[in-house]
PDB file of N, CA and C in Angstrom:
ATOM      1  N   MET A   1       0.852  -1.167   0.000  1.00  0.00           N
ATOM      2  CA  MET A   1       0.000   0.000   0.000  1.00  0.00           C
ATOM      3  C   MET A   1       0.897   1.228   0.000  1.00  0.00           C
ATOM      4  N   GLU A   2       0.549   2.186  -0.854  1.00  0.00           N
ATOM      5  CA  GLU A   2       1.364   3.386  -0.993  1.00  0.00           C
ATOM      6  C   GLU A   2       0.460   4.607  -1.017  1.00  0.00           C
ATOM      7  N   SER A   3       0.867   5.649  -0.300  1.00  0.00           N
ATOM      8  CA  SER A   3       0.082   6.888  -0.309  1.00  0.00           C
ATOM      9  C   SER A   3       0.817   7.945  -1.127  1.00  0.00           C
ATOM     10  N   THR A   4       0.066   8.948  -1.536  1.00  0.00           N
ATOM     11  CA  THR A   4       0.621  10.054  -2.320  1.00  0.00           C
ATOM     12  C   THR A   4       0.431  11.337  -1.537  1.00  0.00           C
ATOM     13  N   LYS A   5       1.485  12.111  -1.396  1.00  0.00           N
ATOM     14  CA  LYS A   5       1.435  13.398  -0.715  1.00  0.00           C
ATOM     15  C   LYS A   5       1.045  14.460  -1.740  1.00  0.00           C
ATOM     16  N   LEU A   6      -0.238  14.785  -1.789  1.00  0.00           N
ATOM     17  CA  LEU A   6      -0.729  15.691  -2.818  1.00  0.00           C
ATOM     18  C   LEU A   6      -0.119  17.094  -2.760  1.00  0.00           C
ATOM     19  N   PRO A   7       0.062  17.716  -1.583  1.00  0.00           N
ATOM     20  CA  PRO A   7       0.658  19.062  -1.595  1.00  0.00           C
ATOM     21  C   PRO A   7       2.031  19.096  -2.282  1.00  0.00           C
ATOM     22  N   HIS A   8       2.864  18.098  -2.024  1.00  0.00           N
ATOM     23  CA  HIS A   8       4.180  18.029  -2.664  1.00  0.00           C
ATOM     24  C   HIS A   8       4.027  17.824  -4.173  1.00  0.00           C
ATOM     25  N   LEU A   9       3.130  16.943  -4.560  1.00  0.00           N
ATOM     26  CA  LEU A   9       2.912  16.648  -5.971  1.00  0.00           C
ATOM     27  C   LEU A   9       2.347  17.861  -6.710  1.00  0.00           C
ATOM     28  N   ILE A  10       1.474  18.609  -6.064  1.00  0.00           N
ATOM     29  CA  ILE A  10       0.923  19.822  -6.672  1.00  0.00           C
ATOM     30  C   ILE A  10       2.042  20.820  -6.951  1.00  0.00           C
ATOM     31  N   GLU A  11       2.920  21.036  -5.975  1.00  0.00           N
ATOM     32  CA  GLU A  11       4.060  21.954  -6.159  1.00  0.00           C
ATOM     33  C   GLU A  11       4.913  21.510  -7.346  1.00  0.00           C
ATOM     34  N   GLU A  12       5.189  20.219  -7.420  1.00  0.00           N
ATOM     35  CA  GLU A  12       5.989  19.662  -8.506  1.00  0.00           C
ATOM     36  C   GLU A  12       5.326  19.913  -9.855  1.00  0.00           C
ATOM     37  N   GLN A  13       4.024  19.689  -9.937  1.00  0.00           N
ATOM     38  CA  GLN A  13       3.300  19.861 -11.190  1.00  0.00           C
ATOM     39  C   GLN A  13       3.189  21.331 -11.587  1.00  0.00           C
ATOM     40  N   ILE A  14       3.077  22.236 -10.607  1.00  0.00           N
ATOM     41  CA  ILE A  14       3.069  23.674 -10.914  1.00  0.00           C
ATOM     42  C   ILE A  14       4.402  24.059 -11.547  1.00  0.00           C
ATOM     43  N   THR A  15       5.486  23.558 -11.003  1.00  0.00           N
ATOM     44  CA  THR A  15       6.816  23.833 -11.559  1.00  0.00           C
ATOM     45  C   THR A  15       6.899  23.313 -12.993  1.00  0.00           C
ATOM     46  N   LEU A  16       6.448  22.096 -13.222  1.00  0.00           N
ATOM     47  CA  LEU A  16       6.483  21.513 -14.566  1.00  0.00           C
ATOM     48  C   LEU A  16       5.611  22.300 -15.541  1.00  0.00           C
ATOM     49  N   ALA A  17       4.452  22.749 -15.091  1.00  0.00           N
ATOM     50  CA  ALA A  17       3.547  23.510 -15.954  1.00  0.00           C
ATOM     51  C   ALA A  17       4.183  24.818 -16.402  1.00  0.00           C
ATOM     52  N   GLY A  18       5.031  25.382 -15.558  1.00  0.00           N
ATOM     53  CA  GLY A  18       5.678  26.647 -15.881  1.00  0.00           C
ATOM     54  C   GLY A  18       6.970  26.510 -16.654  1.00  0.00           C
ATOM     55  N   GLN A  19       7.459  25.300 -16.820  1.00  0.00           N
ATOM     56  CA  GLN A  19       8.740  25.079 -17.499  1.00  0.00           C
ATOM     57  C   GLN A  19       8.548  24.798 -18.985  1.00  0.00           C
ATOM     58  N   GLY A  20       8.213  25.825 -19.719  1.00  0.00           N
ATOM     59  CA  GLY A  20       8.159  25.709 -21.169  1.00  0.00           C
ATOM     60  C   GLY A  20       6.907  25.057 -21.730  1.00  0.00           C
ATOM     61  N   ALA A  21       5.982  24.646 -20.894  1.00  0.00           N
ATOM     62  CA  ALA A  21       4.741  24.059 -21.417  1.00  0.00           C
ATOM     63  C   ALA A  21       3.850  25.205 -21.891  1.00  0.00           C
ATOM     64  N   THR A  22       3.681  25.337 -23.196  1.00  0.00           N
ATOM     65  CA  THR A  22       2.873  26.447 -23.718  1.00  0.00           C
ATOM     66  C   THR A  22       1.413  26.309 -23.306  1.00  0.00           C
ATOM     67  N   SER A  23       1.003  25.100 -22.962  1.00  0.00           N
ATOM     68  CA  SER A  23      -0.375  24.892 -22.524  1.00  0.00           C
ATOM     69  C   SER A  23      -0.607  25.437 -21.126  1.00  0.00           C
ATOM     70  N   GLY A  24       0.482  25.661 -20.360  1.00  0.00           N
ATOM     71  CA  GLY A  24       0.340  26.161 -18.995  1.00  0.00           C
ATOM     72  C   GLY A  24      -0.270  25.142 -18.063  1.00  0.00           C
ATOM     73  N   ARG A  25      -0.128  23.869 -18.409  1.00  0.00           N
ATOM     74  CA  ARG A  25      -0.661  22.835 -17.529  1.00  0.00           C
ATOM     75  C   ARG A  25       0.249  21.623 -17.496  1.00  0.00           C
ATOM     76  N   SER A  26       0.028  20.832 -16.478  1.00  0.00           N
ATOM     77  CA  SER A  26       0.764  19.591 -16.304  1.00  0.00           C
ATOM     78  C   SER A  26      -0.171  18.605 -15.622  1.00  0.00           C
ATOM     79  N   ALA A  27       0.021  17.331 -15.879  1.00  0.00           N
ATOM     80  CA  ALA A  27      -0.860  16.319 -15.287  1.00  0.00           C
ATOM     81  C   ALA A  27      -0.062  15.071 -14.946  1.00  0.00           C
ATOM     82  N   ARG A  28      -0.539  14.390 -13.937  1.00  0.00           N
ATOM     83  CA  ARG A  28       0.069  13.112 -13.542  1.00  0.00           C
ATOM     84  C   ARG A  28      -1.037  12.152 -13.139  1.00  0.00           C
ATOM     85  N   THR A  29      -1.064  10.998 -13.777  1.00  0.00           N
ATOM     86  CA  THR A  29      -2.044   9.979 -13.426  1.00  0.00           C
ATOM     87  C   THR A  29      -1.646   9.369 -12.092  1.00  0.00           C
ATOM     88  N   LEU A  30      -2.575   9.387 -11.150  1.00  0.00           N
ATOM     89  CA  LEU A  30      -2.329   8.835  -9.817  1.00  0.00           C
ATOM     90  C   LEU A  30      -2.783   7.390  -9.718  1.00  0.00           C
ATOM     91  N   HIS A  31      -3.819   7.064 -10.486  1.00  0.00           N
ATOM     92  CA  HIS A  31      -4.361   5.704 -10.444  1.00  0.00           C
ATOM     93  C   HIS A  31      -5.004   5.391 -11.785  1.00  0.00           C
ATOM     94  N   GLY A  32      -4.830   4.154 -12.225  1.00  0.00           N
ATOM     95  CA  GLY A  32      -5.495   3.705 -13.440  1.00  0.00           C
ATOM     96  C   GLY A  32      -4.692   4.020 -14.677  1.00  0.00           C
ATOM     97  N   GLY A  33      -5.395   4.267 -15.739  1.00  0.00           N
ATOM     98  CA  GLY A  33      -4.747   4.506 -17.020  1.00  0.00           C
ATOM     99  C   GLY A  33      -5.069   3.386 -17.975  1.00  0.00           C
ATOM    100  N   GLN A  34      -4.138   3.099 -18.861  1.00  0.00           N
ATOM    101  CA  GLN A  34      -4.345   2.072 -19.890  1.00  0.00           C
ATOM    102  C   GLN A  34      -4.795   0.755 -19.267  1.00  0.00           C
ATOM    103  N   GLY A  35      -5.897   0.221 -19.791  1.00  0.00           N
ATOM    104  CA  GLY A  35      -6.390  -1.068 -19.320  1.00  0.00           C
ATOM    105  C   GLY A  35      -7.262  -1.004 -18.077  1.00  0.00           C
ATOM    106  N   HIS A  36      -7.488   0.184 -17.542  1.00  0.00           N
ATOM    107  CA  HIS A  36      -8.322   0.349 -16.354  1.00  0.00           C
ATOM    108  C   HIS A  36      -9.575   1.150 -16.689  1.00  0.00           C
ATOM    109  N   ALA A  37     -10.669   0.819 -16.060  1.00  0.00           N
ATOM    110  CA  ALA A  37     -11.899   1.579 -16.243  1.00  0.00           C
ATOM    111  C   ALA A  37     -11.832   2.919 -15.516  1.00  0.00           C
ATOM    112  N   LEU A  38     -11.193   2.936 -14.352  1.00  0.00           N
ATOM    113  CA  LEU A  38     -11.107   4.133 -13.518  1.00  0.00           C
ATOM    114  C   LEU A  38      -9.737   4.776 -13.687  1.00  0.00           C
ATOM    115  N   ARG A  39      -9.739   6.097 -13.926  1.00  0.00           N
ATOM    116  CA  ARG A  39      -8.484   6.838 -14.003  1.00  0.00           C
ATOM    117  C   ARG A  39      -8.616   8.099 -13.156  1.00  0.00           C
ATOM    118  N   GLN A  40      -7.635   8.341 -12.295  1.00  0.00           N
ATOM    119  CA  GLN A  40      -7.607   9.549 -11.481  1.00  0.00           C
ATOM    120  C   GLN A  40      -6.323  10.292 -11.788  1.00  0.00           C
ATOM    121  N   THR A  41      -6.469  11.544 -12.172  1.00  0.00           N
ATOM    122  CA  THR A  41      -5.339  12.341 -12.624  1.00  0.00           C
ATOM    123  C   THR A  41      -5.303  13.664 -11.886  1.00  0.00           C
ATOM    124  N   LEU A  42      -4.129  14.021 -11.392  1.00  0.00           N
ATOM    125  CA  LEU A  42      -3.915  15.338 -10.819  1.00  0.00           C
ATOM    126  C   LEU A  42      -3.577  16.262 -11.981  1.00  0.00           C
ATOM    127  N   VAL A  43      -4.370  17.315 -12.161  1.00  0.00           N
ATOM    128  CA  VAL A  43      -4.154  18.279 -13.234  1.00  0.00           C
ATOM    129  C   VAL A  43      -3.856  19.630 -12.603  1.00  0.00           C
ATOM    130  N   VAL A  44      -2.814  20.293 -13.100  1.00  0.00           N
ATOM    131  CA  VAL A  44      -2.470  21.640 -12.658  1.00  0.00           C
ATOM    132  C   VAL A  44      -2.543  22.546 -13.873  1.00  0.00           C
ATOM    133  N   MET A  45      -3.236  23.670 -13.719  1.00  0.00           N
ATOM    134  CA  MET A  45      -3.311  24.690 -14.766  1.00  0.00           C
ATOM    135  C   MET A  45      -2.872  26.019 -14.161  1.00  0.00           C
ATOM    136  N   LEU A  46      -2.010  26.726 -14.882  1.00  0.00           N
ATOM    137  CA  LEU A  46      -1.567  28.028 -14.417  1.00  0.00           C
ATOM    138  C   LEU A  46      -2.603  29.089 -14.771  1.00  0.00           C
ATOM    139  N   ALA A  47      -2.658  30.127 -13.958  1.00  0.00           N
ATOM    140  CA  ALA A  47      -3.623  31.213 -14.147  1.00  0.00           C
ATOM    141  C   ALA A  47      -3.589  31.727 -15.581  1.00  0.00           C
ATOM    142  N   GLY A  48      -4.786  31.951 -16.141  1.00  0.00           N
ATOM    143  CA  GLY A  48      -4.903  32.517 -17.474  1.00  0.00           C
ATOM    144  C   GLY A  48      -4.836  31.520 -18.612  1.00  0.00           C
ATOM    145  N   HIS A  49      -4.625  30.245 -18.308  1.00  0.00           N
ATOM    146  CA  HIS A  49      -4.559  29.236 -19.360  1.00  0.00           C
ATOM    147  C   HIS A  49      -5.899  28.528 -19.520  1.00  0.00           C
ATOM    148  N   ARG A  50      -6.079  27.940 -20.689  1.00  0.00           N
ATOM    149  CA  ARG A  50      -7.347  27.304 -21.038  1.00  0.00           C
ATOM    150  C   ARG A  50      -7.118  25.890 -21.529  1.00  0.00           C
ATOM    151  N   MET A  51      -8.053  25.020 -21.149  1.00  0.00           N
ATOM    152  CA  MET A  51      -8.131  23.685 -21.733  1.00  0.00           C
ATOM    153  C   MET A  51      -9.234  23.803 -22.779  1.00  0.00           C
ATOM    154  N   ASP A  52      -8.860  23.673 -24.058  1.00  0.00           N
ATOM    155  CA  ASP A  52      -9.816  23.897 -25.138  1.00  0.00           C
ATOM    156  C   ASP A  52     -11.011  22.953 -25.063  1.00  0.00           C
ATOM    157  N   GLU A  53     -12.021  23.306 -25.799  1.00  0.00           N
ATOM    158  CA  GLU A  53     -13.272  22.551 -25.820  1.00  0.00           C
ATOM    159  C   GLU A  53     -13.006  21.084 -26.159  1.00  0.00           C
ATOM    160  N   HIS A  54     -13.640  20.195 -25.386  1.00  0.00           N
ATOM    161  CA  HIS A  54     -13.467  18.760 -25.572  1.00  0.00           C
ATOM    162  C   HIS A  54     -14.666  18.036 -24.956  1.00  0.00           C
ATOM    163  N   VAL A  55     -14.730  16.747 -25.184  1.00  0.00           N
ATOM    164  CA  VAL A  55     -15.754  15.888 -24.586  1.00  0.00           C
ATOM    165  C   VAL A  55     -15.029  14.856 -23.736  1.00  0.00           C
ATOM    166  N   SER A  56     -15.554  14.562 -22.565  1.00  0.00           N
ATOM    167  CA  SER A  56     -14.936  13.562 -21.692  1.00  0.00           C
ATOM    168  C   SER A  56     -15.061  12.169 -22.299  1.00  0.00           C
ATOM    169  N   PRO A  57     -14.037  11.331 -22.096  1.00  0.00           N
ATOM    170  CA  PRO A  57     -14.076   9.977 -22.642  1.00  0.00           C
ATOM    171  C   PRO A  57     -14.969   9.025 -21.849  1.00  0.00           C
ATOM    172  N   GLY A  58     -15.628   9.520 -20.839  1.00  0.00           N
ATOM    173  CA  GLY A  58     -16.524   8.722 -19.998  1.00  0.00           C
ATOM    174  C   GLY A  58     -17.094   9.612 -18.911  1.00  0.00           C
ATOM    175  N   GLU A  59     -17.757   9.004 -17.943  1.00  0.00           N
ATOM    176  CA  GLU A  59     -18.249   9.791 -16.813  1.00  0.00           C
ATOM    177  C   GLU A  59     -17.063  10.383 -16.087  1.00  0.00           C
ATOM    178  N   ALA A  60     -17.199  11.643 -15.658  1.00  0.00           N
ATOM    179  CA  ALA A  60     -16.053  12.307 -15.034  1.00  0.00           C
ATOM    180  C   ALA A  60     -16.500  13.255 -13.932  1.00  0.00           C
ATOM    181  N   THR A  61     -15.602  13.444 -12.968  1.00  0.00           N
ATOM    182  CA  THR A  61     -15.814  14.434 -11.912  1.00  0.00           C
ATOM    183  C   THR A  61     -14.533  15.226 -11.729  1.00  0.00           C
ATOM    184  N   VAL A  62     -14.687  16.427 -11.176  1.00  0.00           N
ATOM    185  CA  VAL A  62     -13.563  17.291 -10.847  1.00  0.00           C
ATOM    186  C   VAL A  62     -13.689  17.686  -9.385  1.00  0.00           C
ATOM    187  N   LEU A  63     -12.597  17.581  -8.644  1.00  0.00           N
ATOM    188  CA  LEU A  63     -12.507  18.061  -7.266  1.00  0.00           C
ATOM    189  C   LEU A  63     -11.372  19.066  -7.233  1.00  0.00           C
ATOM    190  N   VAL A  64     -11.701  20.341  -6.973  1.00  0.00           N
ATOM    191  CA  VAL A  64     -10.683  21.387  -6.943  1.00  0.00           C
ATOM    192  C   VAL A  64      -9.935  21.303  -5.613  1.00  0.00           C
ATOM    193  N   LEU A  65      -8.618  21.112  -5.719  1.00  0.00           N
ATOM    194  CA  LEU A  65      -7.773  20.976  -4.534  1.00  0.00           C
ATOM    195  C   LEU A  65      -7.183  22.317  -4.111  1.00  0.00           C
ATOM    196  N   ALA A  66      -6.942  23.198  -5.072  1.00  0.00           N
ATOM    197  CA  ALA A  66      -6.389  24.527  -4.797  1.00  0.00           C
ATOM    198  C   ALA A  66      -6.687  25.416  -5.997  1.00  0.00           C
ATOM    199  N   GLY A  67      -6.892  26.698  -5.741  1.00  0.00           N
ATOM    200  CA  GLY A  67      -7.109  27.638  -6.829  1.00  0.00           C
ATOM    201  C   GLY A  67      -8.566  27.764  -7.230  1.00  0.00           C
ATOM    202  N   ALA A  68      -8.773  28.224  -8.472  1.00  0.00           N
ATOM    203  CA  ALA A  68     -10.127  28.448  -8.980  1.00  0.00           C
ATOM    204  C   ALA A  68     -10.132  28.293 -10.497  1.00  0.00           C
ATOM    205  N   LEU A  69     -11.239  27.777 -11.013  1.00  0.00           N
ATOM    206  CA  LEU A  69     -11.383  27.614 -12.457  1.00  0.00           C
ATOM    207  C   LEU A  69     -12.819  27.861 -12.869  1.00  0.00           C
ATOM    208  N   LYS A  70     -13.004  27.982 -14.167  1.00  0.00           N
ATOM    209  CA  LYS A  70     -14.341  28.173 -14.721  1.00  0.00           C
ATOM    210  C   LYS A  70     -14.534  27.134 -15.820  1.00  0.00           C
ATOM    211  N   VAL A  71     -15.664  26.421 -15.758  1.00  0.00           N
ATOM    212  CA  VAL A  71     -16.010  25.417 -16.758  1.00  0.00           C
ATOM    213  C   VAL A  71     -17.122  25.999 -17.623  1.00  0.00           C
ATOM    214  N   HIS A  72     -16.944  25.927 -18.955  1.00  0.00           N
ATOM    215  CA  HIS A  72     -17.901  26.486 -19.913  1.00  0.00           C
ATOM    216  C   HIS A  72     -18.498  25.374 -20.768  1.00  0.00           C
ATOM    217  N   THR A  73     -19.813  25.418 -20.970  1.00  0.00           N
ATOM    218  CA  THR A  73     -20.463  24.616 -21.997  1.00  0.00           C
ATOM    219  C   THR A  73     -21.100  25.616 -22.951  1.00  0.00           C
ATOM    220  N   ALA A  74     -21.811  25.143 -23.959  1.00  0.00           N
ATOM    221  CA  ALA A  74     -22.428  26.049 -24.931  1.00  0.00           C
ATOM    222  C   ALA A  74     -23.409  27.012 -24.268  1.00  0.00           C
ATOM    223  N   ASP A  75     -24.089  26.555 -23.222  1.00  0.00           N
ATOM    224  CA  ASP A  75     -25.121  27.411 -22.630  1.00  0.00           C
ATOM    225  C   ASP A  75     -24.962  27.693 -21.133  1.00  0.00           C
ATOM    226  N   LYS A  76     -23.887  27.217 -20.529  1.00  0.00           N
ATOM    227  CA  LYS A  76     -23.687  27.428 -19.091  1.00  0.00           C
ATOM    228  C   LYS A  76     -22.219  27.666 -18.777  1.00  0.00           C
ATOM    229  N   GLN A  77     -21.993  28.277 -17.625  1.00  0.00           N
ATOM    230  CA  GLN A  77     -20.644  28.358 -17.084  1.00  0.00           C
ATOM    231  C   GLN A  77     -20.738  28.328 -15.571  1.00  0.00           C
ATOM    232  N   ILE A  78     -19.722  27.738 -14.957  1.00  0.00           N
ATOM    233  CA  ILE A  78     -19.716  27.636 -13.507  1.00  0.00           C
ATOM    234  C   ILE A  78     -18.292  27.870 -13.007  1.00  0.00           C
ATOM    235  N   GLU A  79     -18.179  28.654 -11.943  1.00  0.00           N
ATOM    236  CA  GLU A  79     -16.897  28.878 -11.301  1.00  0.00           C
ATOM    237  C   GLU A  79     -16.767  27.923 -10.129  1.00  0.00           C
ATOM    238  N   LEU A  80     -15.575  27.354  -9.997  1.00  0.00           N
ATOM    239  CA  LEU A  80     -15.285  26.419  -8.920  1.00  0.00           C
ATOM    240  C   LEU A  80     -14.052  26.896  -8.165  1.00  0.00           C
ATOM    241  N   GLY A  81     -14.069  26.724  -6.850  1.00  0.00           N
ATOM    242  CA  GLY A  81     -12.925  27.062  -6.016  1.00  0.00           C
ATOM    243  C   GLY A  81     -12.512  25.871  -5.179  1.00  0.00           C
ATOM    244  N   GLU A  82     -11.513  26.089  -4.342  1.00  0.00           N
ATOM    245  CA  GLU A  82     -10.974  25.028  -3.510  1.00  0.00           C
ATOM    246  C   GLU A  82     -12.086  24.296  -2.759  1.00  0.00           C
ATOM    247  N   GLY A  83     -12.085  22.974  -2.864  1.00  0.00           N
ATOM    248  CA  GLY A  83     -13.071  22.141  -2.184  1.00  0.00           C
ATOM    249  C   GLY A  83     -14.335  21.895  -2.981  1.00  0.00           C
ATOM    250  N   ASP A  84     -14.516  22.590  -4.113  1.00  0.00           N
ATOM    251  CA  ASP A  84     -15.717  22.389  -4.924  1.00  0.00           C
ATOM    252  C   ASP A  84     -15.592  21.114  -5.756  1.00  0.00           C
ATOM    253  N   PHE A  85     -16.734  20.456  -5.940  1.00  0.00           N
ATOM    254  CA  PHE A  85     -16.831  19.189  -6.659  1.00  0.00           C
ATOM    255  C   PHE A  85     -17.829  19.371  -7.786  1.00  0.00           C
ATOM    256  N   LEU A  86     -17.501  18.869  -8.971  1.00  0.00           N
ATOM    257  CA  LEU A  86     -18.376  19.003 -10.129  1.00  0.00           C
ATOM    258  C   LEU A  86     -18.459  17.691 -10.874  1.00  0.00           C
ATOM    259  N   VAL A  87     -19.675  17.292 -11.223  1.00  0.00           N
ATOM    260  CA  VAL A  87     -19.856  16.202 -12.171  1.00  0.00           C
ATOM    261  C   VAL A  87     -19.702  16.861 -13.538  1.00  0.00           C
ATOM    262  N   VAL A  88     -18.706  16.431 -14.291  1.00  0.00           N
ATOM    263  CA  VAL A  88     -18.385  17.064 -15.566  1.00  0.00           C
ATOM    264  C   VAL A  88     -19.534  16.843 -16.551  1.00  0.00           C
ATOM    265  N   PRO A  89     -19.938  17.913 -17.226  1.00  0.00           N
ATOM    266  CA  PRO A  89     -21.039  17.770 -18.175  1.00  0.00           C
ATOM    267  C   PRO A  89     -20.673  16.837 -19.329  1.00  0.00           C
ATOM    268  N   ALA A  90     -21.663  16.119 -19.825  1.00  0.00           N
ATOM    269  CA  ALA A  90     -21.436  15.183 -20.932  1.00  0.00           C
ATOM    270  C   ALA A  90     -21.223  15.928 -22.245  1.00  0.00           C
ATOM    271  N   ASP A  91     -21.700  17.197 -22.349  1.00  0.00           N
ATOM    272  CA  ASP A  91     -21.527  17.950 -23.583  1.00  0.00           C
ATOM    273  C   ASP A  91     -20.120  18.541 -23.681  1.00  0.00           C
ATOM    274  N   ARG A  92     -19.828  19.089 -24.839  1.00  0.00           N
ATOM    275  CA  ARG A  92     -18.523  19.728 -25.054  1.00  0.00           C
ATOM    276  C   ARG A  92     -18.344  20.833 -24.029  1.00  0.00           C
ATOM    277  N   HIS A  93     -17.127  20.954 -23.531  1.00  0.00           N
ATOM    278  CA  HIS A  93     -16.842  21.975 -22.521  1.00  0.00           C
ATOM    279  C   HIS A  93     -15.376  22.388 -22.595  1.00  0.00           C
ATOM    280  N   SER A  94     -15.101  23.559 -22.044  1.00  0.00           N
ATOM    281  CA  SER A  94     -13.731  24.047 -21.931  1.00  0.00           C
ATOM    282  C   SER A  94     -13.516  24.468 -20.483  1.00  0.00           C
ATOM    283  N   VAL A  95     -12.244  24.648 -20.114  1.00  0.00           N
ATOM    284  CA  VAL A  95     -11.906  24.992 -18.726  1.00  0.00           C
ATOM    285  C   VAL A  95     -10.883  26.117 -18.742  1.00  0.00           C
ATOM    286  N   ASP A  96     -11.143  27.168 -17.948  1.00  0.00           N
ATOM    287  CA  ASP A  96     -10.206  28.275 -17.779  1.00  0.00           C
ATOM    288  C   ASP A  96      -9.715  28.306 -16.343  1.00  0.00           C
ATOM    289  N   ALA A  97      -8.401  28.481 -16.178  1.00  0.00           N
ATOM    290  CA  ALA A  97      -7.826  28.632 -14.841  1.00  0.00           C
ATOM    291  C   ALA A  97      -7.885  30.109 -14.462  1.00  0.00           C
ATOM    292  N   LEU A  98      -8.621  30.428 -13.406  1.00  0.00           N
ATOM    293  CA  LEU A  98      -8.743  31.803 -12.941  1.00  0.00           C
ATOM    294  C   LEU A  98      -7.539  32.206 -12.101  1.00  0.00           C
ATOM    295  N   GLU A  99      -6.878  31.216 -11.535  1.00  0.00           N
ATOM    296  CA  GLU A  99      -5.619  31.382 -10.807  1.00  0.00           C
ATOM    297  C   GLU A  99      -4.893  30.052 -10.919  1.00  0.00           C
ATOM    298  N   ASP A 100      -3.665  29.963 -10.423  1.00  0.00           N
ATOM    299  CA  ASP A 100      -2.980  28.669 -10.448  1.00  0.00           C
ATOM    300  C   ASP A 100      -3.880  27.664  -9.732  1.00  0.00           C
ATOM    301  N   THR A 101      -4.195  26.584 -10.414  1.00  0.00           N
ATOM    302  CA  THR A 101      -5.221  25.662  -9.923  1.00  0.00           C
ATOM    303  C   THR A 101      -4.768  24.216 -10.034  1.00  0.00           C
ATOM    304  N   ALA A 102      -5.113  23.431  -9.019  1.00  0.00           N
ATOM    305  CA  ALA A 102      -4.880  21.989  -9.032  1.00  0.00           C
ATOM    306  C   ALA A 102      -6.218  21.297  -8.800  1.00  0.00           C
ATOM    307  N   PHE A 103      -6.496  20.282  -9.623  1.00  0.00           N
ATOM    308  CA  PHE A 103      -7.743  19.531  -9.413  1.00  0.00           C
ATOM    309  C   PHE A 103      -7.529  18.059  -9.694  1.00  0.00           C
ATOM    310  N   LEU A 104      -8.349  17.263  -9.045  1.00  0.00           N
ATOM    311  CA  LEU A 104      -8.344  15.823  -9.247  1.00  0.00           C
ATOM    312  C   LEU A 104      -9.440  15.499 -10.249  1.00  0.00           C
ATOM    313  N   LEU A 105      -9.049  14.966 -11.395  1.00  0.00           N
ATOM    314  CA  LEU A 105      -9.982  14.557 -12.439  1.00  0.00           C
ATOM    315  C   LEU A 105     -10.154  13.051 -12.346  1.00  0.00           C
ATOM    316  N   THR A 106     -11.382  12.608 -12.150  1.00  0.00           N
ATOM    317  CA  THR A 106     -11.687  11.180 -12.084  1.00  0.00           C
ATOM    318  C   THR A 106     -12.559  10.836 -13.280  1.00  0.00           C
ATOM    319  N   VAL A 107     -12.146   9.828 -14.046  1.00  0.00           N
ATOM    320  CA  VAL A 107     -12.881   9.411 -15.236  1.00  0.00           C
ATOM    321  C   VAL A 107     -13.132   7.910 -15.163  1.00  0.00           C
ATOM    322  N   ILE A 108     -14.358   7.532 -15.473  1.00  0.00           N
ATOM    323  CA  ILE A 108     -14.704   6.112 -15.612  1.00  0.00           C
ATOM    324  C   ILE A 108     -15.086   5.908 -17.071  1.00  0.00           C
ATOM    325  N   LYS A 109     -14.295   5.097 -17.766  1.00  0.00           N
ATOM    326  CA  LYS A 109     -14.554   4.847 -19.172  1.00  0.00           C
ATOM    327  C   LYS A 109     -15.648   3.807 -19.318  1.00  0.00           C
ATOM    328  N   PRO A 110     -16.515   3.990 -20.315  1.00  0.00           N
ATOM    329  CA  PRO A 110     -17.552   2.986 -20.554  1.00  0.00           C
ATOM    330  C   PRO A 110     -16.952   1.657 -21.018  1.00  0.00           C
ATOM    331  N   VAL A 111     -17.653   0.568 -20.782  1.00  0.00           N
ATOM    332  CA  VAL A 111     -17.223  -0.767 -21.194  1.00  0.00           C
ATOM    333  C   VAL A 111     -16.935  -0.750 -22.695  1.00  0.00           C
ATOM    334  N   GLY A 112     -15.832  -1.397 -23.079  1.00  0.00           N
ATOM    335  CA  GLY A 112     -15.483  -1.479 -24.485  1.00  0.00           C
ATOM    336  C   GLY A 112     -14.539  -0.397 -24.933  1.00  0.00           C
ATOM    337  N   HIS A 113     -14.060   0.460 -24.010  1.00  0.00           N
ATOM    338  CA  HIS A 113     -13.146   1.542 -24.371  1.00  0.00           C
ATOM    339  C   HIS A 113     -11.797   1.353 -23.679  1.00  0.00           C
ATOM    340  N   GLY A 114     -11.116   0.267 -23.999  1.00  0.00           N
ATOM    341  CA  GLY A 114      -9.763   0.081 -23.508  1.00  0.00           C
ATOM    342  C   GLY A 114      -9.641  -0.773 -22.258  1.00  0.00           C
ATOM    343  N   TYR A 115     -10.707  -1.402 -21.839  1.00  0.00           N
ATOM    344  CA  TYR A 115     -10.586  -2.311 -20.706  1.00  0.00           C
ATOM    345  C   TYR A 115     -11.678  -3.360 -20.822  1.00  0.00           C
ATOM    346  N   SER A 116     -11.512  -4.421 -20.087  1.00  0.00           N
ATOM    347  CA  SER A 116     -12.568  -5.443 -20.060  1.00  0.00           C
ATOM    348  C   SER A 116     -13.074  -5.575 -18.646  1.00  0.00           C
ATOM    349  N   ALA A 117     -14.373  -5.690 -18.522  1.00  0.00           N
ATOM    350  CA  ALA A 117     -15.007  -5.769 -17.210  1.00  0.00           C
ATOM    351  C   ALA A 117     -14.894  -7.144 -16.619  1.00  0.00           C
TER     352      ALA A 117
END
């Protein structure tokens, strides 16, 4: 059994996001990935950067660990801050970092998309 120290990992990812990444973000998968239905990823976005419009590859949630962001769909937008939890909309959406932000993205891929039940 192994634990992850999120505050240390967040600092590390903020540094990586600022080191030449034009996207202004960095991510590290904490659990799951290829061959797993469940994937949990720590995502860091620097203030003023955007994750362009996309659709989630499955059911997804976001838990903001630090900072603030705004999630946009075609007809809605919501601001999230530290401790806020969001079920990610199934429609196309984009994400803006209002300040340096770290969030835990949890995705469950539907059966038949890279894993077997």
